[in-house]
Structures are given as C-alpha cells and as structure tokens.
Amino acid sequence: MDKILEKLADKLLSLDEASLVGLWNKYFQQVQRFEPSKKWEQSVIILSMIQAVKWKNQLFNLKWLHLTRLEKRFNRKFPMEVKEKKDLAGPVIKAEKKQKDRGKVIFLRTKKEDKGE
C-alpha cells in the first residue's frame, strides 16, 4: 500500500502545478453537483489531490520563509541534508545538538521536617 501511495504522490508531483491548479474549478463544479456515481467519487478524489498540491506548496513556502528568517536572525546558514531521491519529505535541517547543563533537584521541606518532627 505504501509503494502505491508513493507512486501516486510522485506522479502528482511531476505534473505541471499551474495546469493542475487550473483544473480546480472544473472539479469543484463537478463535486458541487452531487450524484451517486463513480464519476462523482473520482471528481472528489481529483479535487482533493489538487487541494493537497496547493496545501503542500503553501506549507513549503511557509517553512522556507521560516528557515530564511532564522538564518537572517542568527546570521548563519543552517545545514540541510537531502535524503534519498524518492524521499518526499525533502531537505531536512540538521539540528545541532548542544549539551545543556542539567538542573539540580532541590527538595523543599517544612520547618517541622527540618527539626525531625
């Protein structure tokens, strides 16, 4: 099942985005006119896929903007690593692990406990 979904995603990502978004209105109209048919169900799935591409692009742009703002704020480039070619997650920011000082637990006692009562 995973392989089928990955192939569908690859196919969808290979399509021209502008043409795909241009079809949104057509499928939206078909979905608006409900009829209990396979054609209507296909239109719903197609519209959902177009919406998914639009959402993916918005999310990508938001993440990219966030990354560039972080780079400006800290005046440095964050290292990115691209996993294998078929990885749909795309570039991943490598987090630099820094050891933080561990806190010390302090137990608070009442005055009675201090006196041994």
Protein backbone atom coordinates (compact mmCIF):
# COMPACT_ATOMS: atom_id res chain seq x y z
CA MET A 1 0.00 0.00 0.00
CA ASP A 2 2.86 2.39 0.85
CA LYS A 3 4.52 1.82 -2.52
CA ILE A 4 1.28 2.55 -4.40
CA LEU A 5 0.76 5.79 -2.47
CA GLU A 6 4.39 6.82 -3.04
CA LYS A 7 3.99 6.24 -6.79
CA LEU A 8 0.77 8.27 -6.84
CA ALA A 9 2.50 11.10 -4.98
CA ASP A 10 5.46 11.00 -7.39
CA LYS A 11 3.12 11.17 -10.38
CA LEU A 12 1.18 14.06 -8.84
CA LEU A 13 4.37 15.98 -8.03
CA SER A 14 5.60 15.54 -11.61
CA LEU A 15 2.54 17.31 -13.07
CA ASP A 16 2.65 20.98 -14.01
CA GLU A 17 1.38 22.86 -10.98
CA ALA A 18 -0.23 25.73 -12.90
CA SER A 19 -2.17 23.35 -15.15
CA LEU A 20 -3.22 21.27 -12.17
CA VAL A 21 -4.49 24.29 -10.24
CA GLY A 22 -6.21 25.47 -13.43
CA LEU A 23 -8.39 22.35 -13.25
CA TRP A 24 -9.55 23.11 -9.71
CA ASN A 25 -12.67 24.99 -10.85
CA LYS A 26 -13.76 22.18 -13.18
CA TYR A 27 -13.63 19.54 -10.47
CA PHE A 28 -15.08 21.83 -7.85
CA GLN A 29 -18.16 22.32 -10.09
CA GLN A 30 -18.48 18.55 -10.56
CA VAL A 31 -18.26 17.94 -6.81
CA GLN A 32 -20.93 20.60 -6.20
CA ARG A 33 -23.39 18.64 -8.37
CA PHE A 34 -23.72 15.51 -6.24
CA GLU A 35 -24.72 12.30 -7.91
CA PRO A 36 -24.18 8.81 -6.50
CA SER A 37 -21.75 7.71 -9.21
CA LYS A 38 -18.16 6.61 -9.67
CA LYS A 39 -17.55 9.74 -11.78
CA TRP A 40 -18.56 11.97 -8.85
CA GLU A 41 -16.31 10.00 -6.47
CA GLN A 42 -13.39 10.37 -8.87
CA SER A 43 -14.03 14.11 -9.06
CA VAL A 44 -13.88 14.33 -5.26
CA ILE A 45 -10.56 12.46 -5.18
CA ILE A 46 -9.11 14.59 -8.01
CA LEU A 47 -10.21 17.80 -6.27
CA SER A 48 -8.64 16.52 -3.05
CA MET A 49 -5.36 15.82 -4.84
CA ILE A 50 -5.33 19.31 -6.35
CA GLN A 51 -6.02 20.74 -2.89
CA ALA A 52 -3.19 18.61 -1.49
CA VAL A 53 -0.73 20.07 -4.01
CA LYS A 54 -1.88 23.60 -3.17
CA TRP A 55 -1.54 22.87 0.56
CA LYS A 56 1.90 21.31 0.06
CA ASN A 57 3.07 24.44 -1.77
CA GLN A 58 1.72 26.74 0.93
CA LEU A 59 3.39 24.64 3.63
CA PHE A 60 6.67 24.56 1.69
CA ASN A 61 6.64 28.34 1.26
CA LEU A 62 5.86 28.86 4.95
CA LYS A 63 8.67 26.52 6.04
CA TRP A 64 11.11 28.13 3.59
CA LEU A 65 10.21 31.62 4.86
CA HIS A 66 10.68 30.45 8.44
CA LEU A 67 14.08 28.98 7.59
CA THR A 68 15.28 32.14 5.82
CA ARG A 69 14.11 34.29 8.73
CA LEU A 70 16.02 32.07 11.15
CA GLU A 71 19.12 32.33 9.00
CA LYS A 72 18.84 36.13 8.94
CA ARG A 73 18.19 36.30 12.67
CA PHE A 74 21.20 34.17 13.58
CA ASN A 75 23.28 35.40 10.63
CA ARG A 76 24.23 31.91 9.51
CA LYS A 77 23.17 29.11 7.19
CA PHE A 78 21.59 26.03 8.66
CA PRO A 79 22.99 22.82 7.20
CA MET A 80 20.46 20.82 5.22
CA GLU A 81 20.68 17.24 4.18
CA VAL A 82 18.66 15.77 1.35
CA LYS A 83 17.88 12.14 1.95
CA GLU A 84 17.44 9.71 -0.91
CA LYS A 85 15.89 10.96 -4.15
CA LYS A 86 12.47 9.41 -3.51
CA ASP A 87 12.19 10.95 -0.04
CA LEU A 88 9.04 13.10 -0.25
CA ALA A 89 9.96 14.92 2.94
CA GLY A 90 12.64 16.79 1.01
CA PRO A 91 15.52 18.62 2.69
CA VAL A 92 15.88 18.15 6.41
CA ILE A 93 17.54 20.68 8.66
CA LYS A 94 20.21 19.01 10.75
CA ALA A 95 19.77 20.09 14.31
CA GLU A 96 22.99 20.81 16.09
CA LYS A 97 22.82 19.06 19.40
CA LYS A 98 24.21 21.02 22.28
CA GLN A 99 24.55 19.56 25.71
CA LYS A 100 22.59 21.67 28.12
CA ASP A 101 23.55 21.82 31.75
CA ARG A 102 21.28 19.57 33.70
CA GLY A 103 19.35 21.13 36.51
CA LYS A 104 19.69 20.09 40.15
CA VAL A 105 16.66 18.85 42.02
CA ILE A 106 16.17 20.61 45.33
CA PHE A 107 13.74 19.09 47.77
CA LEU A 108 11.87 21.61 49.86
CA ARG A 109 10.97 20.66 53.41
CA THR A 110 8.84 22.30 56.03
CA LYS A 111 10.36 23.62 59.27
CA LYS A 112 8.88 20.64 61.12
CA GLU A 113 10.69 18.21 58.80
CA ASP A 114 13.97 20.09 59.38
CA LYS A 115 13.61 19.71 63.14
CA GLY A 116 12.89 15.98 62.75
CA GLU A 117 9.33 16.11 63.99
